[in-house]
């Protein structure tokens, strides 16, 4: 009896560790159809829920961001590292007018279509993000607020 219980505890602990290892911030391509390289994620916009096919391999994630800051109006501003900027621009150069998902803490917060092929290092996310969620995200970055 102990063996199945122990196996369950180990499985739960392993799942929790994998879940905790997921990046806080991910920018990923959205594909038109489901594939083995995507996961389905819901996205709410203007009172409607959409099902997106988000690539599991991110364009950029936590390590590609240098810092994050909450702006006075409550928007979230993110800065890519130099390497993150190059990585992002390289991946999206052929993704013009296609959609990406911006995922924060496992939730799609916005899914814009790209209207440029080069973006620089700064992104501002103006969608309705819960203030506490944004504070926790900003606190998770080693450098923030111009430090």
Protein backbone atom coordinates (compact mmCIF):
# COMPACT_ATOMS: atom_id res chain seq x y z
CA UNK A 1 0.00 0.00 0.00
CA UNK A 2 2.89 2.35 0.72
CA UNK A 3 4.35 1.92 -2.76
CA UNK A 4 1.38 3.37 -4.76
CA UNK A 5 1.08 6.23 -2.27
CA UNK A 6 4.79 6.98 -2.51
CA UNK A 7 4.60 6.86 -6.31
CA UNK A 8 1.70 9.32 -6.24
CA UNK A 9 3.60 11.71 -3.95
CA UNK A 10 6.68 11.54 -6.22
CA UNK A 11 4.51 12.16 -9.29
CA UNK A 12 2.82 15.18 -7.68
CA UNK A 13 6.18 16.60 -6.58
CA UNK A 14 7.64 16.12 -10.07
CA UNK A 15 4.64 17.83 -11.67
CA UNK A 16 4.88 20.75 -9.23
CA UNK A 17 8.58 21.14 -10.03
CA UNK A 18 7.93 21.17 -13.78
CA UNK A 19 5.06 23.63 -13.33
CA UNK A 20 7.25 25.91 -11.20
CA UNK A 21 9.94 25.81 -13.88
CA UNK A 22 7.61 27.31 -16.51
CA UNK A 23 8.71 30.82 -17.48
CA UNK A 24 6.79 33.79 -16.08
CA UNK A 25 6.84 35.65 -19.41
CA UNK A 26 6.66 34.00 -22.83
CA UNK A 27 6.19 35.44 -26.30
CA UNK A 28 5.25 32.62 -28.70
CA UNK A 29 3.89 32.20 -32.21
CA UNK A 30 0.21 31.41 -32.69
CA UNK A 31 -0.52 28.93 -35.47
CA UNK A 32 -3.79 28.69 -37.37
CA UNK A 33 -4.16 24.97 -36.67
CA UNK A 34 -3.29 22.58 -33.88
CA UNK A 35 -0.10 20.57 -34.31
CA UNK A 36 2.24 18.44 -32.23
CA UNK A 37 4.31 21.59 -31.55
CA UNK A 38 1.41 23.63 -30.12
CA UNK A 39 -0.74 23.69 -27.03
CA UNK A 40 -4.25 25.03 -26.87
CA UNK A 41 -4.66 28.11 -24.71
CA UNK A 42 -7.74 30.24 -24.19
CA UNK A 43 -7.63 34.00 -24.56
CA UNK A 44 -10.34 36.44 -23.53
CA UNK A 45 -10.77 39.62 -25.54
CA UNK A 46 -13.72 42.02 -25.69
CA UNK A 47 -15.95 39.64 -23.76
CA UNK A 48 -15.23 36.69 -26.05
CA UNK A 49 -13.07 33.63 -25.45
CA UNK A 50 -10.81 32.42 -28.25
CA UNK A 51 -8.90 29.16 -28.46
CA UNK A 52 -5.32 29.71 -29.66
CA UNK A 53 -2.78 27.16 -30.91
CA UNK A 54 0.36 28.49 -29.21
CA UNK A 55 3.76 27.06 -30.10
CA UNK A 56 5.33 25.32 -27.12
CA UNK A 57 8.79 26.64 -28.03
CA UNK A 58 8.82 30.33 -27.10
CA UNK A 59 10.25 33.07 -29.27
CA UNK A 60 11.56 34.68 -26.08
CA UNK A 61 11.05 33.87 -22.40
CA UNK A 62 12.24 34.97 -18.93
CA UNK A 63 16.00 34.80 -19.57
CA UNK A 64 15.60 37.00 -22.66
CA UNK A 65 14.14 39.85 -20.61
CA UNK A 66 16.41 42.26 -18.80
CA UNK A 67 13.88 43.99 -16.60
CA UNK A 68 10.24 44.81 -16.02
CA UNK A 69 8.52 47.86 -14.60
CA UNK A 70 4.99 48.95 -13.73
CA UNK A 71 4.25 52.30 -15.37
CA UNK A 72 2.24 54.97 -13.49
CA UNK A 73 -0.87 54.16 -15.54
CA UNK A 74 -0.64 50.48 -14.53
CA UNK A 75 0.76 49.20 -17.82
CA UNK A 76 3.61 46.69 -17.81
CA UNK A 77 6.85 47.60 -19.57
CA UNK A 78 9.37 44.88 -20.45
CA UNK A 79 12.91 45.24 -21.76
CA UNK A 80 14.63 42.51 -23.74
CA UNK A 81 18.33 41.83 -23.37
CA UNK A 82 20.44 42.54 -26.46
CA UNK A 83 20.51 38.81 -27.19
CA UNK A 84 16.73 38.64 -26.62
CA UNK A 85 16.15 41.47 -29.09
CA UNK A 86 18.21 39.72 -31.77
CA UNK A 87 16.47 36.42 -31.08
CA UNK A 88 12.99 38.00 -31.24
CA UNK A 89 13.70 39.96 -34.43
CA UNK A 90 15.27 36.92 -36.12
CA UNK A 91 12.30 34.68 -35.37
CA UNK A 92 9.56 37.19 -36.27
CA UNK A 93 11.10 38.66 -39.43
CA UNK A 94 8.91 36.28 -41.47
CA UNK A 95 5.92 36.53 -39.11
CA UNK A 96 4.59 39.88 -40.39
CA UNK A 97 0.82 40.29 -39.87
CA UNK A 98 0.67 37.00 -38.02
CA UNK A 99 -0.29 36.53 -34.41
CA UNK A 100 1.84 35.95 -31.34
CA UNK A 101 0.70 35.16 -27.81
CA UNK A 102 2.07 37.05 -24.84
CA UNK A 103 1.76 34.64 -21.94
CA UNK A 104 2.26 35.79 -18.36
CA UNK A 105 2.19 33.23 -15.56
CA UNK A 106 0.65 30.63 -17.86
CA UNK A 107 -2.17 32.88 -19.11
CA UNK A 108 -2.47 34.55 -22.52
CA UNK A 109 -2.81 38.26 -21.71
CA UNK A 110 -2.78 39.50 -25.29
CA UNK A 111 -2.38 38.08 -28.76
CA UNK A 112 -1.46 40.85 -31.19
CA UNK A 113 -0.76 40.53 -34.89
CA UNK A 114 2.72 41.80 -35.69
CA UNK A 115 2.70 44.94 -37.80
CA UNK A 116 6.48 45.27 -38.09
CA UNK A 117 9.48 43.01 -38.61
CA UNK A 118 11.83 44.70 -36.14
CA UNK A 119 10.81 45.82 -32.68
CA UNK A 120 13.70 47.02 -30.56
CA UNK A 121 14.11 46.08 -26.92
CA UNK A 122 11.05 47.62 -25.24
CA UNK A 123 7.49 46.31 -25.06
CA UNK A 124 4.54 47.87 -23.27
CA UNK A 125 1.57 45.67 -22.42
CA UNK A 126 -1.53 47.73 -21.87
CA UNK A 127 -4.16 45.01 -21.52
CA UNK A 128 -6.02 44.57 -18.27
CA UNK A 129 -3.55 42.73 -16.08
CA UNK A 130 -4.34 42.10 -12.42
CA UNK A 131 -2.21 44.55 -10.42
CA UNK A 132 -1.01 41.90 -7.95
CA UNK A 133 0.02 39.61 -10.81
CA UNK A 134 2.03 42.43 -12.41
CA UNK A 135 3.68 43.30 -9.08
CA UNK A 136 4.73 39.68 -8.56
CA UNK A 137 6.06 39.46 -12.09
CA UNK A 138 8.11 42.66 -11.75
CA UNK A 139 9.47 41.46 -8.39
CA UNK A 140 10.65 38.24 -10.04
CA UNK A 141 13.11 40.10 -12.27
CA UNK A 142 16.60 40.61 -10.80
CA UNK A 143 16.85 44.10 -12.28
CA UNK A 144 13.85 46.37 -12.41
CA UNK A 145 12.92 50.02 -12.58
CA UNK A 146 16.16 51.15 -14.21
CA UNK A 147 18.45 49.36 -11.76
